[in-house]
Amino acid sequence: MKDLMTTKQVAAYLNINEKMVYTLVSEKNLPATKITGKWLFPRHLVEQWIEANTQNYPSNGSRIPPYNGLLIIAGSNDLLLDKTINLFNDRYSEHLAVFGNLGSMGGLQSLKRDMCHIASSHLLQDNDHDYNFSFASEEFDSMPAVINFCKREQGILLQKNNPKGLQKIADLRQEGIRVVNRSLGTGTRLLFDKVLKEAGLQADKIDGYHHCVNRHMDVGLEILAGRADAGPGIRPVASLLGLDFLPIRWERFDLLISKDRFFEQGVQYFQALLHEDIFVDMADSLDGYDVGGRGVMQFPT
């Protein structure tokens, strides 16, 4: 049995008089039992009660140190983001930006655990309109800043000249069609599952649905190599690899930044690149991007 304390012992433990103990039982829900006819207090519950009522509770400390030249970005993979990271590394020789390809949900979770400075995400909300806010609000006690990086066109990558004649999502149910998929936790997988459901398709019955790869480019390469007929991805990959493309929608691709990291030097340098002509030129060199809203704060507004 867990240790039980008497009223006198609890009073000594809390450094108060015994009358105050009774007040705390009645008014502040101090854990107690009276099965013996006298108040008894399970020590472990008293300790939990103290912890639960603690204000200004200290954080567990930072998982990454104050900014020292290493900028860590984690989350959803993107061709324009890759180019921007390379631009950062070319521009700022005393700094280094690195990317962890974890998918949108992985990026949010890494940001929550303070393991990165910036998370990249494009998670479509249930309202079929907004992105990232509801997912971030579930992950964070305090919402991070949300800044638009770009808009990009999502769809289905198809073999060149579309030899299977796929014209709509429902055509993926045809016999002999094999797809390649993206990993769980990615915004692309979330969108793919959504459109499959809307088209009345049972995902598990689509050949190749459980064959997952880590990047948009990997989807394109599987199709280019003839190992798949179709797969979810972005138009820039289709254009670069000479594949056909079945469009689904334009989506917002955001950068999420914890407020206590927002003004760190590398984070500010990276954000500043979005406002330069060279960033616009990089986007223009790839099909399927719209950077008209680049750098615009989505939250707080």
C-alpha atoms as a PDB file:
ATOM      1  CA  MET A   1       0.000   0.000   0.000  1.00  0.00           C
ATOM      2  CA  LYS A   2       1.141   3.511  -0.695  1.00  0.00           C
ATOM      3  CA  ASP A   3       2.284   5.563   2.313  1.00  0.00           C
ATOM      4  CA  LEU A   4      -0.569   7.193   4.211  1.00  0.00           C
ATOM      5  CA  MET A   5      -0.080  10.383   6.224  1.00  0.00           C
ATOM      6  CA  THR A   6      -2.135  11.657   9.140  1.00  0.00           C
ATOM      7  CA  THR A   7      -3.534  15.180   9.354  1.00  0.00           C
ATOM      8  CA  LYS A   8      -0.650  16.136  11.611  1.00  0.00           C
ATOM      9  CA  GLN A   9       1.915  14.712   9.213  1.00  0.00           C
ATOM     10  CA  VAL A  10       0.353  16.493   6.225  1.00  0.00           C
ATOM     11  CA  ALA A  11       0.325  19.758   8.154  1.00  0.00           C
ATOM     12  CA  ALA A  12       4.031  19.349   8.882  1.00  0.00           C
ATOM     13  CA  TYR A  13       4.707  18.347   5.266  1.00  0.00           C
ATOM     14  CA  LEU A  14       2.947  21.474   3.954  1.00  0.00           C
ATOM     15  CA  ASN A  15       4.213  23.671   6.809  1.00  0.00           C
ATOM     16  CA  ILE A  16       0.689  24.755   7.810  1.00  0.00           C
ATOM     17  CA  ASN A  17      -1.535  24.175  10.857  1.00  0.00           C
ATOM     18  CA  GLU A  18      -3.958  21.248  11.053  1.00  0.00           C
ATOM     19  CA  LYS A  19      -7.072  23.430  10.679  1.00  0.00           C
ATOM     20  CA  MET A  20      -5.790  24.612   7.296  1.00  0.00           C
ATOM     21  CA  VAL A  21      -5.482  20.996   6.186  1.00  0.00           C
ATOM     22  CA  TYR A  22      -9.243  20.531   6.652  1.00  0.00           C
ATOM     23  CA  THR A  23      -9.847  23.724   4.683  1.00  0.00           C
ATOM     24  CA  LEU A  24      -7.682  22.443   1.830  1.00  0.00           C
ATOM     25  CA  VAL A  25      -9.635  19.177   1.792  1.00  0.00           C
ATOM     26  CA  SER A  26     -12.975  20.948   1.484  1.00  0.00           C
ATOM     27  CA  GLU A  27     -11.993  23.903  -0.716  1.00  0.00           C
ATOM     28  CA  LYS A  28      -8.931  22.871  -2.738  1.00  0.00           C
ATOM     29  CA  ASN A  29      -9.605  19.137  -3.210  1.00  0.00           C
ATOM     30  CA  LEU A  30      -6.576  17.982  -1.248  1.00  0.00           C
ATOM     31  CA  PRO A  31      -6.694  14.163  -1.739  1.00  0.00           C
ATOM     32  CA  ALA A  32      -7.861  12.413   1.418  1.00  0.00           C
ATOM     33  CA  THR A  33      -9.761   9.369   2.631  1.00  0.00           C
ATOM     34  CA  LYS A  34     -11.788   8.767   5.796  1.00  0.00           C
ATOM     35  CA  ILE A  35     -12.335   5.016   5.633  1.00  0.00           C
ATOM     36  CA  THR A  36     -10.863   4.573   9.139  1.00  0.00           C
ATOM     37  CA  GLY A  37     -12.958   7.359  10.680  1.00  0.00           C
ATOM     38  CA  LYS A  38      -9.966   9.704  10.574  1.00  0.00           C
ATOM     39  CA  TRP A  39      -8.573  11.648   7.665  1.00  0.00           C
ATOM     40  CA  LEU A  40      -5.689   9.880   5.941  1.00  0.00           C
ATOM     41  CA  PHE A  41      -3.713  11.260   3.018  1.00  0.00           C
ATOM     42  CA  PRO A  42      -1.966   9.077   0.402  1.00  0.00           C
ATOM     43  CA  ARG A  43       1.484  10.616   0.093  1.00  0.00           C
ATOM     44  CA  HIS A  44       1.804  10.095  -3.685  1.00  0.00           C
ATOM     45  CA  LEU A  45      -1.552  11.822  -4.275  1.00  0.00           C
ATOM     46  CA  VAL A  46      -0.583  14.745  -2.054  1.00  0.00           C
ATOM     47  CA  GLU A  47       2.619  15.119  -4.068  1.00  0.00           C
ATOM     48  CA  GLN A  48       0.626  15.037  -7.329  1.00  0.00           C
ATOM     49  CA  TRP A  49      -1.812  17.610  -5.915  1.00  0.00           C
ATOM     50  CA  ILE A  50       1.079  19.937  -5.076  1.00  0.00           C
ATOM     51  CA  GLU A  51       2.520  19.534  -8.582  1.00  0.00           C
ATOM     52  CA  ALA A  52      -0.860  20.111 -10.241  1.00  0.00           C
ATOM     53  CA  ASN A  53      -1.327  23.347  -8.302  1.00  0.00           C
ATOM     54  CA  THR A  54       2.140  24.683  -9.010  1.00  0.00           C
ATOM     55  CA  GLN A  55       2.251  27.976 -10.918  1.00  0.00           C
ATOM     56  CA  ASN A  56       5.116  29.169 -13.148  1.00  0.00           C
ATOM     57  CA  TYR A  57       6.213  25.572 -13.572  1.00  0.00           C
ATOM     58  CA  PRO A  58       9.735  25.459 -15.062  1.00  0.00           C
ATOM     59  CA  SER A  59      10.152  24.029 -18.538  1.00  0.00           C
ATOM     60  CA  ASN A  60      12.277  20.950 -19.150  1.00  0.00           C
ATOM     61  CA  GLY A  61      14.902  23.101 -20.817  1.00  0.00           C
ATOM     62  CA  SER A  62      15.827  23.516 -24.435  1.00  0.00           C
ATOM     63  CA  ARG A  63      16.654  20.472 -26.557  1.00  0.00           C
ATOM     64  CA  ILE A  64      18.759  22.611 -28.887  1.00  0.00           C
ATOM     65  CA  PRO A  65      21.094  25.341 -27.616  1.00  0.00           C
ATOM     66  CA  PRO A  66      20.716  29.061 -28.320  1.00  0.00           C
ATOM     67  CA  TYR A  67      21.428  29.743 -31.975  1.00  0.00           C
ATOM     68  CA  ASN A  68      25.108  29.225 -32.734  1.00  0.00           C
ATOM     69  CA  GLY A  69      25.115  29.113 -36.523  1.00  0.00           C
ATOM     70  CA  LEU A  70      23.265  25.816 -37.052  1.00  0.00           C
ATOM     71  CA  LEU A  71      19.735  26.284 -38.431  1.00  0.00           C
ATOM     72  CA  ILE A  72      17.587  23.136 -38.204  1.00  0.00           C
ATOM     73  CA  ILE A  73      14.516  22.815 -40.417  1.00  0.00           C
ATOM     74  CA  ALA A  74      12.282  19.742 -40.210  1.00  0.00           C
ATOM     75  CA  GLY A  75       9.038  18.611 -41.767  1.00  0.00           C
ATOM     76  CA  SER A  76       7.618  18.370 -45.273  1.00  0.00           C
ATOM     77  CA  ASN A  77       9.992  18.032 -48.187  1.00  0.00           C
ATOM     78  CA  ASP A  78       9.797  20.469 -51.112  1.00  0.00           C
ATOM     79  CA  LEU A  79      11.963  21.297 -54.124  1.00  0.00           C
ATOM     80  CA  LEU A  80      11.805  25.068 -53.629  1.00  0.00           C
ATOM     81  CA  LEU A  81      12.605  24.645 -49.945  1.00  0.00           C
ATOM     82  CA  ASP A  82      15.668  22.575 -50.894  1.00  0.00           C
ATOM     83  CA  LYS A  83      16.827  25.365 -53.195  1.00  0.00           C
ATOM     84  CA  THR A  84      16.270  27.973 -50.487  1.00  0.00           C
ATOM     85  CA  ILE A  85      18.298  25.955 -47.979  1.00  0.00           C
ATOM     86  CA  ASN A  86      21.121  25.757 -50.543  1.00  0.00           C
ATOM     87  CA  LEU A  87      20.864  29.514 -51.105  1.00  0.00           C
ATOM     88  CA  PHE A  88      21.118  30.100 -47.346  1.00  0.00           C
ATOM     89  CA  ASN A  89      24.250  27.957 -47.138  1.00  0.00           C
ATOM     90  CA  ASP A  90      25.831  29.721 -50.115  1.00  0.00           C
ATOM     91  CA  ARG A  91      24.951  33.177 -48.807  1.00  0.00           C
ATOM     92  CA  TYR A  92      25.945  32.744 -45.163  1.00  0.00           C
ATOM     93  CA  SER A  93      29.216  30.846 -45.041  1.00  0.00           C
ATOM     94  CA  GLU A  94      29.453  31.066 -41.244  1.00  0.00           C
ATOM     95  CA  HIS A  95      26.046  29.394 -40.882  1.00  0.00           C
ATOM     96  CA  LEU A  96      24.691  25.982 -41.828  1.00  0.00           C
ATOM     97  CA  ALA A  97      21.065  25.059 -42.563  1.00  0.00           C
ATOM     98  CA  VAL A  98      20.143  21.369 -42.414  1.00  0.00           C
ATOM     99  CA  PHE A  99      16.830  19.656 -43.183  1.00  0.00           C
ATOM    100  CA  GLY A 100      15.145  16.670 -41.540  1.00  0.00           C
ATOM    101  CA  ASN A 101      12.663  15.034 -43.935  1.00  0.00           C
ATOM    102  CA  LEU A 102      10.041  13.946 -41.384  1.00  0.00           C
ATOM    103  CA  GLY A 103       6.768  14.859 -43.079  1.00  0.00           C
ATOM    104  CA  SER A 104       4.480  17.644 -41.926  1.00  0.00           C
ATOM    105  CA  MET A 105       3.386  15.946 -38.686  1.00  0.00           C
ATOM    106  CA  GLY A 106       6.969  14.990 -37.896  1.00  0.00           C
ATOM    107  CA  GLY A 107       7.987  18.619 -38.337  1.00  0.00           C
ATOM    108  CA  LEU A 108       5.301  19.855 -35.938  1.00  0.00           C
ATOM    109  CA  GLN A 109       6.275  17.253 -33.350  1.00  0.00           C
ATOM    110  CA  SER A 110       9.960  18.142 -33.669  1.00  0.00           C
ATOM    111  CA  LEU A 111       9.141  21.824 -33.198  1.00  0.00           C
ATOM    112  CA  LYS A 112       7.054  20.954 -30.148  1.00  0.00           C
ATOM    113  CA  ARG A 113      10.001  19.043 -28.652  1.00  0.00           C
ATOM    114  CA  ASP A 114      12.315  21.979 -29.438  1.00  0.00           C
ATOM    115  CA  MET A 115      14.431  19.866 -31.777  1.00  0.00           C
ATOM    116  CA  CYS A 116      14.294  22.287 -34.718  1.00  0.00           C
ATOM    117  CA  HIS A 117      14.046  26.019 -35.376  1.00  0.00           C
ATOM    118  CA  ILE A 118      11.548  25.851 -38.250  1.00  0.00           C
ATOM    119  CA  ALA A 119       8.921  23.270 -39.221  1.00  0.00           C
ATOM    120  CA  SER A 120       7.586  23.039 -42.790  1.00  0.00           C
ATOM    121  CA  SER A 121       4.004  21.867 -43.125  1.00  0.00           C
ATOM    122  CA  HIS A 122       0.988  21.691 -45.471  1.00  0.00           C
ATOM    123  CA  LEU A 123      -1.665  19.806 -43.490  1.00  0.00           C
ATOM    124  CA  LEU A 124      -5.148  20.373 -44.918  1.00  0.00           C
ATOM    125  CA  GLN A 125      -7.781  20.976 -42.248  1.00  0.00           C
ATOM    126  CA  ASP A 126     -11.214  19.352 -42.107  1.00  0.00           C
ATOM    127  CA  ASN A 127     -12.820  22.564 -43.396  1.00  0.00           C
ATOM    128  CA  ASP A 128     -11.132  21.797 -46.759  1.00  0.00           C
ATOM    129  CA  HIS A 129      -9.794  25.352 -46.876  1.00  0.00           C
ATOM    130  CA  ASP A 130      -7.220  26.248 -44.230  1.00  0.00           C
ATOM    131  CA  TYR A 131      -3.893  24.630 -43.453  1.00  0.00           C
ATOM    132  CA  ASN A 132      -1.871  23.753 -40.342  1.00  0.00           C
ATOM    133  CA  PHE A 133      -3.721  25.825 -37.697  1.00  0.00           C
ATOM    134  CA  SER A 134      -5.879  23.090 -36.181  1.00  0.00           C
ATOM    135  CA  PHE A 135      -3.009  20.574 -36.227  1.00  0.00           C
ATOM    136  CA  ALA A 136      -0.642  23.045 -34.554  1.00  0.00           C
ATOM    137  CA  SER A 137      -3.221  24.020 -31.918  1.00  0.00           C
ATOM    138  CA  GLU A 138      -3.516  20.349 -30.942  1.00  0.00           C
ATOM    139  CA  GLU A 139       0.256  19.958 -30.643  1.00  0.00           C
ATOM    140  CA  PHE A 140       1.228  23.202 -28.897  1.00  0.00           C
ATOM    141  CA  ASP A 141       0.152  24.871 -25.666  1.00  0.00           C
ATOM    142  CA  SER A 142       1.211  28.167 -27.239  1.00  0.00           C
ATOM    143  CA  MET A 143       0.710  28.492 -30.992  1.00  0.00           C
ATOM    144  CA  PRO A 144       3.891  29.065 -33.011  1.00  0.00           C
ATOM    145  CA  ALA A 145       4.162  31.761 -35.641  1.00  0.00           C
ATOM    146  CA  VAL A 146       2.941  30.572 -39.042  1.00  0.00           C
ATOM    147  CA  ILE A 147       4.511  32.156 -42.137  1.00  0.00           C
ATOM    148  CA  ASN A 148       3.641  31.341 -45.734  1.00  0.00           C
ATOM    149  CA  PHE A 149       6.511  29.950 -47.777  1.00  0.00           C
ATOM    150  CA  CYS A 150       4.637  29.356 -51.017  1.00  0.00           C
ATOM    151  CA  LYS A 151       1.612  27.861 -52.670  1.00  0.00           C
ATOM    152  CA  ARG A 152       2.140  24.792 -54.831  1.00  0.00           C
ATOM    153  CA  GLU A 153       0.044  22.518 -57.013  1.00  0.00           C
ATOM    154  CA  GLN A 154      -0.662  19.027 -55.722  1.00  0.00           C
ATOM    155  CA  GLY A 155      -1.934  16.202 -57.884  1.00  0.00           C
ATOM    156  CA  ILE A 156      -1.228  12.745 -59.241  1.00  0.00           C
ATOM    157  CA  LEU A 157       1.993  12.064 -61.137  1.00  0.00           C
ATOM    158  CA  LEU A 158       1.427   9.828 -64.181  1.00  0.00           C
ATOM    159  CA  GLN A 159       3.635   8.052 -66.673  1.00  0.00           C
ATOM    160  CA  LYS A 160       4.649  10.148 -69.672  1.00  0.00           C
ATOM    161  CA  ASN A 161       1.832  10.478 -72.224  1.00  0.00           C
ATOM    162  CA  ASN A 162      -0.507   8.822 -69.693  1.00  0.00           C
ATOM    163  CA  PRO A 163      -0.570   5.392 -71.422  1.00  0.00           C
ATOM    164  CA  LYS A 164      -3.225   4.051 -69.018  1.00  0.00           C
ATOM    165  CA  GLY A 165      -5.559   6.938 -69.850  1.00  0.00           C
ATOM    166  CA  LEU A 166      -6.125   8.017 -66.247  1.00  0.00           C
ATOM    167  CA  GLN A 167      -8.386  11.089 -66.261  1.00  0.00           C
ATOM    168  CA  LYS A 168      -9.733  11.234 -62.698  1.00  0.00           C
ATOM    169  CA  ILE A 169      -9.007   9.845 -59.239  1.00  0.00           C
ATOM    170  CA  ALA A 170     -11.666   7.164 -59.597  1.00  0.00           C
ATOM    171  CA  ASP A 171      -9.688   5.669 -62.514  1.00  0.00           C
ATOM    172  CA  LEU A 172      -7.108   4.386 -60.018  1.00  0.00           C
ATOM    173  CA  ARG A 173      -9.520   1.518 -59.297  1.00  0.00           C
ATOM    174  CA  GLN A 174      -8.957   0.101 -62.780  1.00  0.00           C
ATOM    175  CA  GLU A 175      -7.431  -3.351 -62.998  1.00  0.00           C
ATOM    176  CA  GLY A 176      -3.719  -3.316 -63.735  1.00  0.00           C
ATOM    177  CA  ILE A 177      -3.052   0.119 -62.192  1.00  0.00           C
ATOM    178  CA  ARG A 178      -0.253   0.235 -59.638  1.00  0.00           C
ATOM    179  CA  VAL A 179       0.444   3.280 -57.488  1.00  0.00           C
ATOM    180  CA  VAL A 180       3.269   4.452 -55.269  1.00  0.00           C
ATOM    181  CA  ASN A 181       2.403   6.342 -52.084  1.00  0.00           C
ATOM    182  CA  ARG A 182       3.866   8.782 -49.562  1.00  0.00           C
ATOM    183  CA  SER A 183       4.497   7.979 -45.905  1.00  0.00           C
ATOM    184  CA  LEU A 184       2.009   8.399 -43.083  1.00  0.00           C
ATOM    185  CA  GLY A 185       2.278  11.809 -41.427  1.00  0.00           C
ATOM    186  CA  THR A 186       2.904  13.654 -44.670  1.00  0.00           C
ATOM    187  CA  GLY A 187       0.488  16.286 -45.921  1.00  0.00           C
ATOM    188  CA  THR A 188       0.538  14.654 -49.352  1.00  0.00           C
ATOM    189  CA  ARG A 189      -0.610  11.319 -47.904  1.00  0.00           C
ATOM    190  CA  LEU A 190      -3.366  13.116 -45.981  1.00  0.00           C
ATOM    191  CA  LEU A 191      -4.616  14.751 -49.185  1.00  0.00           C
ATOM    192  CA  PHE A 192      -4.337  11.507 -51.194  1.00  0.00           C
ATOM    193  CA  ASP A 193      -6.394   9.593 -48.626  1.00  0.00           C
ATOM    194  CA  LYS A 194      -8.983  12.371 -48.676  1.00  0.00           C
ATOM    195  CA  VAL A 195      -9.485  12.368 -52.443  1.00  0.00           C
ATOM    196  CA  LEU A 196      -9.554   8.563 -52.570  1.00  0.00           C
ATOM    197  CA  LYS A 197     -12.346   8.550 -50.003  1.00  0.00           C
ATOM    198  CA  GLU A 198     -14.252  11.270 -51.865  1.00  0.00           C
ATOM    199  CA  ALA A 199     -14.002   9.191 -55.046  1.00  0.00           C
ATOM    200  CA  GLY A 200     -15.427   6.171 -53.237  1.00  0.00           C
ATOM    201  CA  LEU A 201     -12.238   4.123 -53.508  1.00  0.00           C
ATOM    202  CA  GLN A 202     -11.063   1.661 -50.854  1.00  0.00           C
ATOM    203  CA  ALA A 203      -7.406   2.508 -50.419  1.00  0.00           C
ATOM    204  CA  ASP A 204      -6.365  -0.982 -49.288  1.00  0.00           C
ATOM    205  CA  LYS A 205      -7.640  -2.447 -52.548  1.00  0.00           C
ATOM    206  CA  ILE A 206      -5.435  -0.233 -54.719  1.00  0.00           C
ATOM    207  CA  ASP A 207      -2.314  -2.083 -55.835  1.00  0.00           C
ATOM    208  CA  GLY A 208       0.792  -0.403 -54.422  1.00  0.00           C
ATOM    209  CA  TYR A 209      -1.046   1.776 -51.882  1.00  0.00           C
ATOM    210  CA  HIS A 210       1.194   0.487 -49.067  1.00  0.00           C
ATOM    211  CA  HIS A 211       4.410   0.991 -51.080  1.00  0.00           C
ATOM    212  CA  CYS A 212       5.597   4.280 -49.541  1.00  0.00           C
ATOM    213  CA  VAL A 213       8.563   6.511 -50.350  1.00  0.00           C
ATOM    214  CA  ASN A 214       9.959   9.507 -48.505  1.00  0.00           C
ATOM    215  CA  ARG A 215      10.068  12.343 -51.049  1.00  0.00           C
ATOM    216  CA  HIS A 216       8.055  13.787 -53.912  1.00  0.00           C
ATOM    217  CA  MET A 217      11.012  13.115 -56.213  1.00  0.00           C
ATOM    218  CA  ASP A 218      11.032   9.445 -55.129  1.00  0.00           C
ATOM    219  CA  VAL A 219       7.396   9.129 -56.254  1.00  0.00           C
ATOM    220  CA  GLY A 220       8.358  10.559 -59.635  1.00  0.00           C
ATOM    221  CA  LEU A 221      11.367   8.268 -59.999  1.00  0.00           C
ATOM    222  CA  GLU A 222       9.282   5.165 -59.242  1.00  0.00           C
ATOM    223  CA  ILE A 223       6.884   6.175 -62.023  1.00  0.00           C
ATOM    224  CA  LEU A 224       9.693   7.143 -64.394  1.00  0.00           C
ATOM    225  CA  ALA A 225      11.289   3.714 -63.851  1.00  0.00           C
ATOM    226  CA  GLY A 226       7.983   1.981 -64.691  1.00  0.00           C
ATOM    227  CA  ARG A 227       7.532   0.502 -61.231  1.00  0.00           C
ATOM    228  CA  ALA A 228       4.274   2.443 -60.773  1.00  0.00           C
ATOM    229  CA  ASP A 229       1.661   4.021 -62.993  1.00  0.00           C
ATOM    230  CA  ALA A 230       0.684   6.862 -60.668  1.00  0.00           C
ATOM    231  CA  GLY A 231       1.331   8.455 -57.300  1.00  0.00           C
ATOM    232  CA  PRO A 232       0.569  11.609 -55.305  1.00  0.00           C
ATOM    233  CA  GLY A 233       2.993  14.496 -55.704  1.00  0.00           C
ATOM    234  CA  ILE A 234       3.595  18.057 -56.807  1.00  0.00           C
ATOM    235  CA  ARG A 235       3.631  19.467 -60.336  1.00  0.00           C
ATOM    236  CA  PRO A 236       7.291  20.635 -60.180  1.00  0.00           C
ATOM    237  CA  VAL A 237       8.432  17.001 -59.982  1.00  0.00           C
ATOM    238  CA  ALA A 238       6.252  15.990 -62.941  1.00  0.00           C
ATOM    239  CA  SER A 239       7.660  18.855 -64.975  1.00  0.00           C
ATOM    240  CA  LEU A 240      11.297  18.106 -64.138  1.00  0.00           C
ATOM    241  CA  LEU A 241      10.947  14.388 -64.943  1.00  0.00           C
ATOM    242  CA  GLY A 242       8.775  14.814 -68.028  1.00  0.00           C
ATOM    243  CA  LEU A 243       5.784  13.032 -66.464  1.00  0.00           C
ATOM    244  CA  ASP A 244       2.094  13.721 -66.960  1.00  0.00           C
ATOM    245  CA  PHE A 245       0.145  15.348 -64.163  1.00  0.00           C
ATOM    246  CA  LEU A 246      -3.459  15.107 -62.962  1.00  0.00           C
ATOM    247  CA  PRO A 247      -4.099  18.234 -60.831  1.00  0.00           C
ATOM    248  CA  ILE A 248      -6.003  18.089 -57.538  1.00  0.00           C
ATOM    249  CA  ARG A 249      -5.614  21.489 -55.879  1.00  0.00           C
ATOM    250  CA  TRP A 250      -3.300  24.364 -54.988  1.00  0.00           C
ATOM    251  CA  GLU A 251      -2.182  24.207 -51.377  1.00  0.00           C
ATOM    252  CA  ARG A 252      -0.535  26.530 -48.868  1.00  0.00           C
ATOM    253  CA  PHE A 253       2.919  25.460 -47.685  1.00  0.00           C
ATOM    254  CA  ASP A 254       3.931  27.156 -44.408  1.00  0.00           C
ATOM    255  CA  LEU A 255       6.867  27.597 -42.079  1.00  0.00           C
ATOM    256  CA  LEU A 256       6.095  27.310 -38.355  1.00  0.00           C
ATOM    257  CA  ILE A 257       8.441  28.919 -35.845  1.00  0.00           C
ATOM    258  CA  SER A 258       8.284  28.875 -32.048  1.00  0.00           C
ATOM    259  CA  LYS A 259       7.968  32.385 -30.677  1.00  0.00           C
ATOM    260  CA  ASP A 260      11.077  32.035 -28.522  1.00  0.00           C
ATOM    261  CA  ARG A 261      13.101  31.115 -31.646  1.00  0.00           C
ATOM    262  CA  PHE A 262      11.563  33.644 -34.010  1.00  0.00           C
ATOM    263  CA  PHE A 263      14.187  36.384 -33.664  1.00  0.00           C
ATOM    264  CA  GLU A 264      17.252  34.153 -33.636  1.00  0.00           C
ATOM    265  CA  GLN A 265      19.755  35.219 -36.276  1.00  0.00           C
ATOM    266  CA  GLY A 266      19.554  32.241 -38.601  1.00  0.00           C
ATOM    267  CA  VAL A 267      15.765  32.189 -38.511  1.00  0.00           C
ATOM    268  CA  GLN A 268      15.672  35.863 -39.486  1.00  0.00           C
ATOM    269  CA  TYR A 269      18.237  35.367 -42.256  1.00  0.00           C
ATOM    270  CA  PHE A 270      16.177  32.508 -43.686  1.00  0.00           C
ATOM    271  CA  GLN A 271      12.943  34.497 -43.614  1.00  0.00           C
ATOM    272  CA  ALA A 272      14.657  37.440 -45.303  1.00  0.00           C
ATOM    273  CA  LEU A 273      15.532  35.266 -48.312  1.00  0.00           C
ATOM    274  CA  LEU A 274      11.826  34.913 -49.114  1.00  0.00           C
ATOM    275  CA  HIS A 275      11.670  38.624 -49.949  1.00  0.00           C
ATOM    276  CA  GLU A 276      14.583  38.622 -52.393  1.00  0.00           C
ATOM    277  CA  ASP A 277      14.278  38.557 -56.172  1.00  0.00           C
ATOM    278  CA  ILE A 278      16.469  35.461 -56.340  1.00  0.00           C
ATOM    279  CA  PHE A 279      13.832  33.509 -54.400  1.00  0.00           C
ATOM    280  CA  VAL A 280      11.151  34.573 -56.882  1.00  0.00           C
ATOM    281  CA  ASP A 281      13.446  33.611 -59.747  1.00  0.00           C
ATOM    282  CA  MET A 282      13.981  30.142 -58.250  1.00  0.00           C
ATOM    283  CA  ALA A 283      10.229  29.650 -57.961  1.00  0.00           C
ATOM    284  CA  ASP A 284       9.671  30.864 -61.520  1.00  0.00           C
ATOM    285  CA  SER A 285      12.193  28.324 -62.792  1.00  0.00           C
ATOM    286  CA  LEU A 286       9.912  25.516 -61.552  1.00  0.00           C
ATOM    287  CA  ASP A 287       6.355  24.808 -62.688  1.00  0.00           C
ATOM    288  CA  GLY A 288       3.628  24.648 -60.072  1.00  0.00           C
ATOM    289  CA  TYR A 289       4.623  27.357 -57.582  1.00  0.00           C
ATOM    290  CA  ASP A 290       2.964  30.625 -56.584  1.00  0.00           C
ATOM    291  CA  VAL A 291       5.052  32.781 -54.243  1.00  0.00           C
ATOM    292  CA  GLY A 292       2.816  35.852 -54.238  1.00  0.00           C
ATOM    293  CA  GLY A 293       2.129  35.380 -50.519  1.00  0.00           C
ATOM    294  CA  ARG A 294       5.696  34.505 -49.513  1.00  0.00           C
ATOM    295  CA  GLY A 295       6.711  35.729 -46.068  1.00  0.00           C
ATOM    296  CA  VAL A 296       3.147  36.735 -45.117  1.00  0.00           C
ATOM    297  CA  MET A 297       2.349  36.041 -41.471  1.00  0.00           C
ATOM    298  CA  GLN A 298      -0.630  33.684 -41.251  1.00  0.00           C
ATOM    299  CA  PHE A 299      -0.564  33.596 -37.447  1.00  0.00           C
ATOM    300  CA  PRO A 300      -0.638  35.741 -35.468  1.00  0.00           C
ATOM    301  CA  THR A 301      -2.435  38.114 -37.818  1.00  0.00           C
END
